[in-house]
Protein backbone atom coordinates (compact mmCIF):
# COMPACT_ATOMS: atom_id res chain seq x y z
CA UNK A 1 -199.23 109.46 -13.17
CA UNK A 2 -198.92 107.28 -10.11
CA UNK A 3 -197.93 109.03 -6.90
CA UNK A 4 -194.25 108.72 -5.96
CA UNK A 5 -193.51 107.66 -2.41
CA UNK A 6 -190.28 108.62 -0.65
CA UNK A 7 -188.49 107.09 2.29
CA UNK A 8 -187.53 109.32 5.27
CA UNK A 9 -183.91 109.00 4.12
CA UNK A 10 -184.82 110.39 0.68
CA UNK A 11 -186.81 113.20 2.27
CA UNK A 12 -183.85 114.06 4.52
CA UNK A 13 -181.54 114.19 1.51
CA UNK A 14 -183.95 116.48 -0.37
CA UNK A 15 -184.28 118.88 2.57
CA UNK A 16 -180.58 118.58 3.50
CA UNK A 17 -181.51 117.56 7.05
CA UNK A 18 -180.77 114.74 9.43
CA UNK A 19 -182.96 111.64 9.17
CA UNK A 20 -183.89 111.89 12.87
CA UNK A 21 -185.37 115.34 12.21
CA UNK A 22 -187.63 113.88 9.50
CA UNK A 23 -188.76 111.05 11.78
CA UNK A 24 -189.49 113.57 14.55
CA UNK A 25 -191.66 115.63 12.20
CA UNK A 26 -193.50 112.52 11.00
CA UNK A 27 -194.27 111.41 14.55
CA UNK A 28 -195.42 114.92 15.51
CA UNK A 29 -197.60 115.25 12.42
CA UNK A 30 -195.69 118.28 11.16
CA UNK A 31 -194.85 116.37 7.95
CA UNK A 32 -197.62 114.21 6.55
CA UNK A 33 -196.65 110.60 6.00
CA UNK A 34 -197.97 107.04 6.10
CA UNK A 35 -196.67 104.39 8.49
CA UNK A 36 -196.48 101.12 6.54
CA UNK A 37 -195.07 99.16 9.47
CA UNK A 38 -194.08 99.80 13.07
CA UNK A 39 -190.76 101.35 12.01
CA UNK A 40 -191.20 102.27 8.34
CA UNK A 41 -192.67 105.49 6.93
CA UNK A 42 -193.43 106.69 3.42
CA UNK A 43 -194.06 110.27 2.29
CA UNK A 44 -195.97 111.16 -0.86
CA UNK A 45 -194.01 113.45 -3.12
CA UNK A 46 -196.95 115.85 -3.35
CA UNK A 47 -197.03 116.14 0.45
CA UNK A 48 -193.32 116.94 0.48
CA UNK A 49 -193.78 119.66 -2.18
CA UNK A 50 -196.63 121.15 -0.16
CA UNK A 51 -194.52 121.07 3.00
CA UNK A 52 -191.61 122.74 1.25
CA UNK A 53 -193.85 125.55 0.00
CA UNK A 54 -195.12 126.26 3.50
CA UNK A 55 -191.68 126.57 5.06
CA UNK A 56 -188.40 127.64 3.58
CA UNK A 57 -185.10 126.05 4.49
CA UNK A 58 -184.13 128.86 6.85
CA UNK A 59 -187.22 128.21 8.99
CA UNK A 60 -186.51 124.48 8.98
CA UNK A 61 -182.95 125.07 10.17
CA UNK A 62 -184.08 127.57 12.80
CA UNK A 63 -186.41 124.95 14.27
CA UNK A 64 -183.61 122.37 14.05
CA UNK A 65 -181.28 124.66 15.98
CA UNK A 66 -183.91 125.22 18.67
CA UNK A 67 -184.40 121.47 19.02
CA UNK A 68 -180.66 120.68 19.08
CA UNK A 69 -179.97 123.29 21.75
CA UNK A 70 -183.12 122.32 23.73
CA UNK A 71 -184.44 125.89 23.72
CA UNK A 72 -188.07 124.87 23.43
CA UNK A 73 -190.56 124.65 20.59
CA UNK A 74 -191.25 128.08 19.01
CA UNK A 75 -194.76 129.00 17.84
CA UNK A 76 -194.83 129.43 14.07
CA UNK A 77 -196.64 132.59 12.89
CA UNK A 78 -198.86 132.95 15.97
CA UNK A 79 -202.08 134.92 15.51
CA UNK A 80 -202.49 137.76 18.00
CA UNK A 81 -205.58 139.96 18.43
CA UNK A 82 -205.04 143.44 17.07
CA UNK A 83 -201.89 142.52 15.13
CA UNK A 84 -201.98 142.82 11.34
CA UNK A 85 -198.46 141.51 10.83
CA UNK A 86 -197.54 138.01 11.93
CA UNK A 87 -193.91 137.46 12.92
CA UNK A 88 -192.43 134.09 11.95
CA UNK A 89 -191.72 132.76 15.46
CA UNK A 90 -192.55 133.41 19.09
CA UNK A 91 -190.42 131.66 21.73
CA UNK A 92 -191.08 131.46 25.44
CA UNK A 93 -187.67 131.50 27.09
CA UNK A 94 -187.03 131.85 30.83
CA UNK A 95 -190.27 133.76 31.47
CA UNK A 96 -189.60 136.05 28.51
CA UNK A 97 -191.22 136.27 25.09
CA UNK A 98 -188.80 136.49 22.18
CA UNK A 99 -189.80 137.21 18.58
CA UNK A 100 -187.86 136.07 15.52
CA UNK A 101 -188.34 136.95 11.86
CA UNK A 102 -186.50 134.36 9.75
CA UNK A 103 -185.32 135.22 6.23
CA UNK A 104 -183.04 133.61 3.69
CA UNK A 105 -181.25 134.88 0.61
CA UNK A 106 -182.11 133.70 -2.89
CA UNK A 107 -180.91 134.64 -6.34
CA UNK A 108 -182.38 138.11 -5.97
CA UNK A 109 -180.72 140.86 -8.09
CA UNK A 110 -181.87 143.52 -5.60
CA UNK A 111 -179.35 142.12 -3.11
CA UNK A 112 -176.59 143.64 -5.27
CA UNK A 113 -178.09 147.04 -6.02
CA UNK A 114 -179.62 148.42 -9.19
CA UNK A 115 -176.49 149.25 -11.16
CA UNK A 116 -174.61 146.78 -13.31
CA UNK A 117 -171.15 148.16 -12.74
CA UNK A 118 -169.02 149.67 -10.02
CA UNK A 119 -167.71 148.25 -6.76
CA UNK A 120 -169.60 145.50 -4.99
CA UNK A 121 -171.44 146.65 -1.85
CA UNK A 122 -171.52 143.82 0.74
CA UNK A 123 -174.17 145.58 2.84
CA UNK A 124 -177.04 145.87 0.35
CA UNK A 125 -178.60 142.43 0.75
CA UNK A 126 -178.43 142.45 4.54
CA UNK A 127 -179.88 145.96 4.76
CA UNK A 128 -182.77 144.89 2.56
CA UNK A 129 -183.61 142.08 4.99
CA UNK A 130 -183.35 144.49 7.96
CA UNK A 131 -185.87 146.79 6.24
CA UNK A 132 -188.27 143.89 5.64
CA UNK A 133 -188.04 142.69 9.26
CA UNK A 134 -188.47 146.21 10.64
CA UNK A 135 -191.88 146.45 8.99
CA UNK A 136 -192.97 143.25 10.74
CA UNK A 137 -191.74 144.46 14.14
CA UNK A 138 -193.57 147.83 14.10
CA UNK A 139 -196.56 146.36 15.93
CA UNK A 140 -194.44 144.79 18.69
CA UNK A 141 -193.21 147.68 20.89
CA UNK A 142 -191.50 146.76 24.13
CA UNK A 143 -190.66 143.27 22.84
CA UNK A 144 -187.36 141.55 22.09
CA UNK A 145 -187.39 141.22 18.29
CA UNK A 146 -184.53 139.65 16.33
CA UNK A 147 -183.88 139.06 12.64
CA UNK A 148 -182.54 135.60 11.73
CA UNK A 149 -180.69 135.25 8.41
CA UNK A 150 -179.60 132.18 6.47
CA UNK A 151 -177.69 132.26 3.21
CA UNK A 152 -178.31 129.04 1.35
CA UNK A 153 -176.69 129.64 -2.04
CA UNK A 154 -176.06 133.32 -2.74
CA UNK A 155 -172.31 133.68 -3.15
CA UNK A 156 -172.08 137.47 -2.84
CA UNK A 157 -173.79 137.68 0.55
CA UNK A 158 -171.64 137.27 3.66
CA UNK A 159 -173.43 136.94 7.00
CA UNK A 160 -170.54 135.25 8.80
CA UNK A 161 -168.09 138.16 8.86
CA UNK A 162 -168.81 140.44 11.84
CA UNK A 163 -167.76 143.77 10.34
CA UNK A 164 -170.05 143.22 7.33
CA UNK A 165 -173.20 142.43 9.33
CA UNK A 166 -172.44 145.07 11.96
CA UNK A 167 -171.66 147.52 9.15
CA UNK A 168 -175.05 146.85 7.60
CA UNK A 169 -176.61 147.58 10.98
CA UNK A 170 -174.54 150.52 12.21
CA UNK A 171 -172.82 152.04 9.17
CA UNK A 172 -170.12 151.27 6.61
CA UNK A 173 -166.90 150.18 8.27
CA UNK A 174 -164.37 153.01 7.80
CA UNK A 175 -160.87 153.88 9.00
CA UNK A 176 -159.67 157.13 10.50
CA UNK A 177 -155.92 157.70 10.10
CA UNK A 178 -154.42 160.60 12.13
CA UNK A 179 -151.94 162.56 9.99
CA UNK A 180 -149.25 165.12 10.62
CA UNK A 181 -149.58 167.10 7.39
CA UNK A 182 -146.52 169.22 8.08
CA UNK A 183 -144.31 166.15 8.15
CA UNK A 184 -146.47 164.15 5.76
CA UNK A 185 -146.55 161.17 8.09
CA UNK A 186 -149.05 159.12 10.06
CA UNK A 187 -149.42 160.55 13.55
CA UNK A 188 -150.96 157.84 15.65
CA UNK A 189 -152.78 154.55 15.39
CA UNK A 190 -155.49 154.11 12.71
CA UNK A 191 -158.92 153.45 14.18
CA UNK A 192 -162.01 151.79 12.79
CA UNK A 193 -165.47 153.33 13.05
CA UNK A 194 -168.93 152.97 11.51
CA UNK A 195 -169.78 155.81 9.12
CA UNK A 196 -172.92 156.27 7.00
CA UNK A 197 -175.50 153.82 5.69
CA UNK A 198 -176.42 151.84 8.80
CA UNK A 199 -180.04 150.73 8.97
CA UNK A 200 -180.28 151.29 12.73
CA UNK A 201 -178.80 154.83 12.70
CA UNK A 202 -180.23 158.09 11.35
CA UNK A 203 -177.80 159.19 8.58
CA UNK A 204 -178.21 162.90 9.39
CA UNK A 205 -178.32 163.07 13.18
CA UNK A 206 -176.28 159.88 13.83
CA UNK A 207 -178.79 158.89 16.49
CA UNK A 208 -180.43 155.46 16.90
CA UNK A 209 -183.62 155.11 14.85
CA UNK A 210 -184.42 151.40 15.15
CA UNK A 211 -184.24 150.31 18.77
CA UNK A 212 -186.83 147.56 18.37
CA UNK A 213 -184.44 145.09 16.70
CA UNK A 214 -182.53 143.42 19.52
CA UNK A 215 -180.09 141.54 17.29
CA UNK A 216 -179.35 140.18 13.85
CA UNK A 217 -178.64 136.44 14.04
CA UNK A 218 -176.93 134.44 11.29
CA UNK A 219 -177.54 130.71 10.98
CA UNK A 220 -174.60 128.88 9.47
CA UNK A 221 -173.50 125.33 8.77
CA UNK A 222 -169.95 125.57 10.06
CA UNK A 223 -167.49 123.37 8.14
CA UNK A 224 -166.12 121.71 11.28
CA UNK A 225 -164.77 118.64 9.49
CA UNK A 226 -162.87 120.70 6.93
CA UNK A 227 -161.16 122.72 9.64
CA UNK A 228 -160.33 119.65 11.73
CA UNK A 229 -158.74 117.93 8.71
CA UNK A 230 -156.70 121.07 7.96
CA UNK A 231 -155.45 121.04 11.56
CA UNK A 232 -154.53 117.35 11.35
CA UNK A 233 -152.62 117.90 8.09
CA UNK A 234 -150.75 120.90 9.52
CA UNK A 235 -149.76 118.90 12.61
CA UNK A 236 -148.47 116.06 10.42
CA UNK A 237 -146.39 118.48 8.35
CA UNK A 238 -144.99 120.10 11.48
CA UNK A 239 -144.20 116.74 13.07
CA UNK A 240 -142.39 115.50 9.96
CA UNK A 241 -140.84 118.94 9.26
CA UNK A 242 -141.86 118.88 5.60
CA UNK A 243 -144.65 119.83 3.23
CA UNK A 244 -146.87 116.98 2.13
CA UNK A 245 -147.10 116.40 -1.60
CA UNK A 246 -150.37 116.96 -3.43
CA UNK A 247 -150.73 113.20 -3.87
CA UNK A 248 -150.34 112.59 -0.11
CA UNK A 249 -152.80 115.34 0.73
CA UNK A 250 -155.36 114.05 -1.78
CA UNK A 251 -155.07 110.50 -0.45
CA UNK A 252 -155.57 111.74 3.11
CA UNK A 253 -158.65 113.73 2.11
CA UNK A 254 -160.10 110.75 0.26
CA UNK A 255 -159.61 108.48 3.26
CA UNK A 256 -161.25 111.06 5.55
CA UNK A 257 -164.03 112.11 3.18
CA UNK A 258 -166.86 111.46 5.64
CA UNK A 259 -165.12 113.35 8.45
CA UNK A 260 -164.28 116.20 6.03
CA UNK A 261 -167.96 116.72 5.24
CA UNK A 262 -169.03 117.11 8.88
CA UNK A 263 -170.80 120.38 9.68
CA UNK A 264 -172.35 121.92 12.78
CA UNK A 265 -175.38 124.19 12.73
CA UNK A 266 -174.56 127.31 14.72
CA UNK A 267 -175.80 130.82 15.44
CA UNK A 268 -173.79 134.04 15.15
CA UNK A 269 -175.41 136.83 17.15
CA UNK A 270 -174.80 140.50 16.31
CA UNK A 271 -176.35 142.67 19.01
CA UNK A 272 -177.89 146.07 18.38
CA UNK A 273 -176.08 148.28 20.94
CA UNK A 274 -179.06 150.66 20.94
CA UNK A 275 -181.78 148.04 21.45
CA UNK A 276 -184.57 149.02 23.81
CA UNK A 277 -184.70 145.39 24.97
CA UNK A 278 -181.64 143.20 24.69
CA UNK A 279 -181.60 139.60 23.64
CA UNK A 280 -180.92 137.46 26.76
CA UNK A 281 -177.28 136.50 27.29
CA UNK A 282 -178.10 132.86 28.02
CA UNK A 283 -179.63 132.04 24.63
CA UNK A 284 -177.63 131.05 21.53
CA UNK A 285 -174.76 129.69 23.60
CA UNK A 286 -174.08 126.47 21.69
CA UNK A 287 -170.63 124.86 21.42
CA UNK A 288 -169.86 126.59 18.09
CA UNK A 289 -171.91 129.77 18.57
CA UNK A 290 -170.49 133.28 18.84
CA UNK A 291 -171.85 136.67 19.87
CA UNK A 292 -170.70 140.23 19.18
CA UNK A 293 -171.95 143.26 21.04
CA UNK A 294 -171.04 146.35 23.08
CA UNK A 295 -168.71 145.91 26.02
CA UNK A 296 -170.15 147.48 29.20
CA UNK A 297 -169.02 151.08 29.74
CA UNK A 298 -166.78 151.05 26.66
CA UNK A 299 -167.42 152.66 23.25
CA UNK A 300 -166.58 149.69 21.04
CA UNK A 301 -167.96 146.33 20.00
CA UNK A 302 -166.13 143.07 20.50
CA UNK A 303 -166.81 139.35 20.64
CA UNK A 304 -168.64 138.68 23.89
CA UNK A 305 -169.04 134.92 23.65
CA UNK A 306 -167.53 131.95 21.83
CA UNK A 307 -168.57 128.34 22.37
CA UNK A 308 -166.08 125.90 23.90
CA UNK A 309 -165.71 123.81 20.72
CA UNK A 310 -165.21 126.92 18.60
CA UNK A 311 -162.50 128.18 20.94
CA UNK A 312 -160.71 124.80 20.72
CA UNK A 313 -160.74 124.98 16.92
CA UNK A 314 -159.46 128.55 16.89
CA UNK A 315 -156.72 127.83 19.44
CA UNK A 316 -155.40 124.94 17.33
CA UNK A 317 -155.50 127.08 14.18
CA UNK A 318 -153.61 129.92 15.88
CA UNK A 319 -150.97 127.54 17.21
CA UNK A 320 -150.42 126.17 13.68
CA UNK A 321 -150.75 129.63 12.04
CA UNK A 322 -153.73 128.48 9.99
CA UNK A 323 -155.51 131.71 10.87
CA UNK A 324 -152.88 133.75 8.99
CA UNK A 325 -152.77 134.49 5.28
CA UNK A 326 -149.52 134.22 3.26
CA UNK A 327 -148.69 137.93 3.66
CA UNK A 328 -149.38 137.85 7.41
CA UNK A 329 -147.13 134.81 7.81
CA UNK A 330 -144.32 136.54 5.91
CA UNK A 331 -144.61 139.71 8.04
CA UNK A 332 -144.66 137.66 11.24
CA UNK A 333 -141.48 135.82 10.29
CA UNK A 334 -139.78 139.12 9.43
CA UNK A 335 -140.65 140.52 12.86
CA UNK A 336 -139.41 137.37 14.57
CA UNK A 337 -136.12 137.45 12.62
CA UNK A 338 -135.64 141.15 13.37
CA UNK A 339 -136.08 140.59 17.11
CA UNK A 340 -133.84 137.50 17.22
């Protein structure tokens, strides 16, 4: 059969990337292509298949993020004397060397455990990836080593919810409720803590066992357009003091379809509080990025950083109560009516 030739636009659609990224790769020689005129390129389908086998989507997006945030060009699988295991990326950043192992989730049954029944465990898939990365990092003592995760299409893996990723790292999220058993009543405020199962904690001694991993980092395509449209609709309803009909909402969404589809590639950083070498604070600080980690001199973990654009989105959602579920809204109104 004759070879099929693709335009950069078709390649970008196949890889789910921006066209400018494809042109950048063509000019740099990272993606093989033929220039048929000063501005036009063509890529053989076989070259694209070969390229896609060499790099998975998570690696492509990691490089895209680095380029968008101007963090430098990371070395892909550098060969080092005396090292049997090659880590996916090495990045020179502010006179430091940072190592990143990049992994994505696929339709892998082992991400859900071996049994067919019972409750779903949200930690299994993430803990599996932590185990795989830990093996790569064994030969890199004294280095800042981070695991980067991307979930392309596995519905039962959540790497965007902090307590799930941190729970996979430090132990199942649990609740301790103080009780007065004589009165049969709660005696104090319930508190959250990490119990057993964490991949960075010894289950018997409760001491740190994996201090080489500096952080687990989730790459995510944040649905910015969807959230902005929801904010605009809520403001319209508040301004007109009524609920929009389904027909009105559908027409609005259809007229704003392009804006609704807008996404932003961002990084969510979950620090290992026991890391021998921390990930620098001034990396992964994009406009929609966020970071969770230990607060200095305090025994709990909180959000340490949120990008300016993310904070703007969240502030608008809080003001319009879009961050609350139906039950939370009902309870809030009851409290407000009781105090009125």
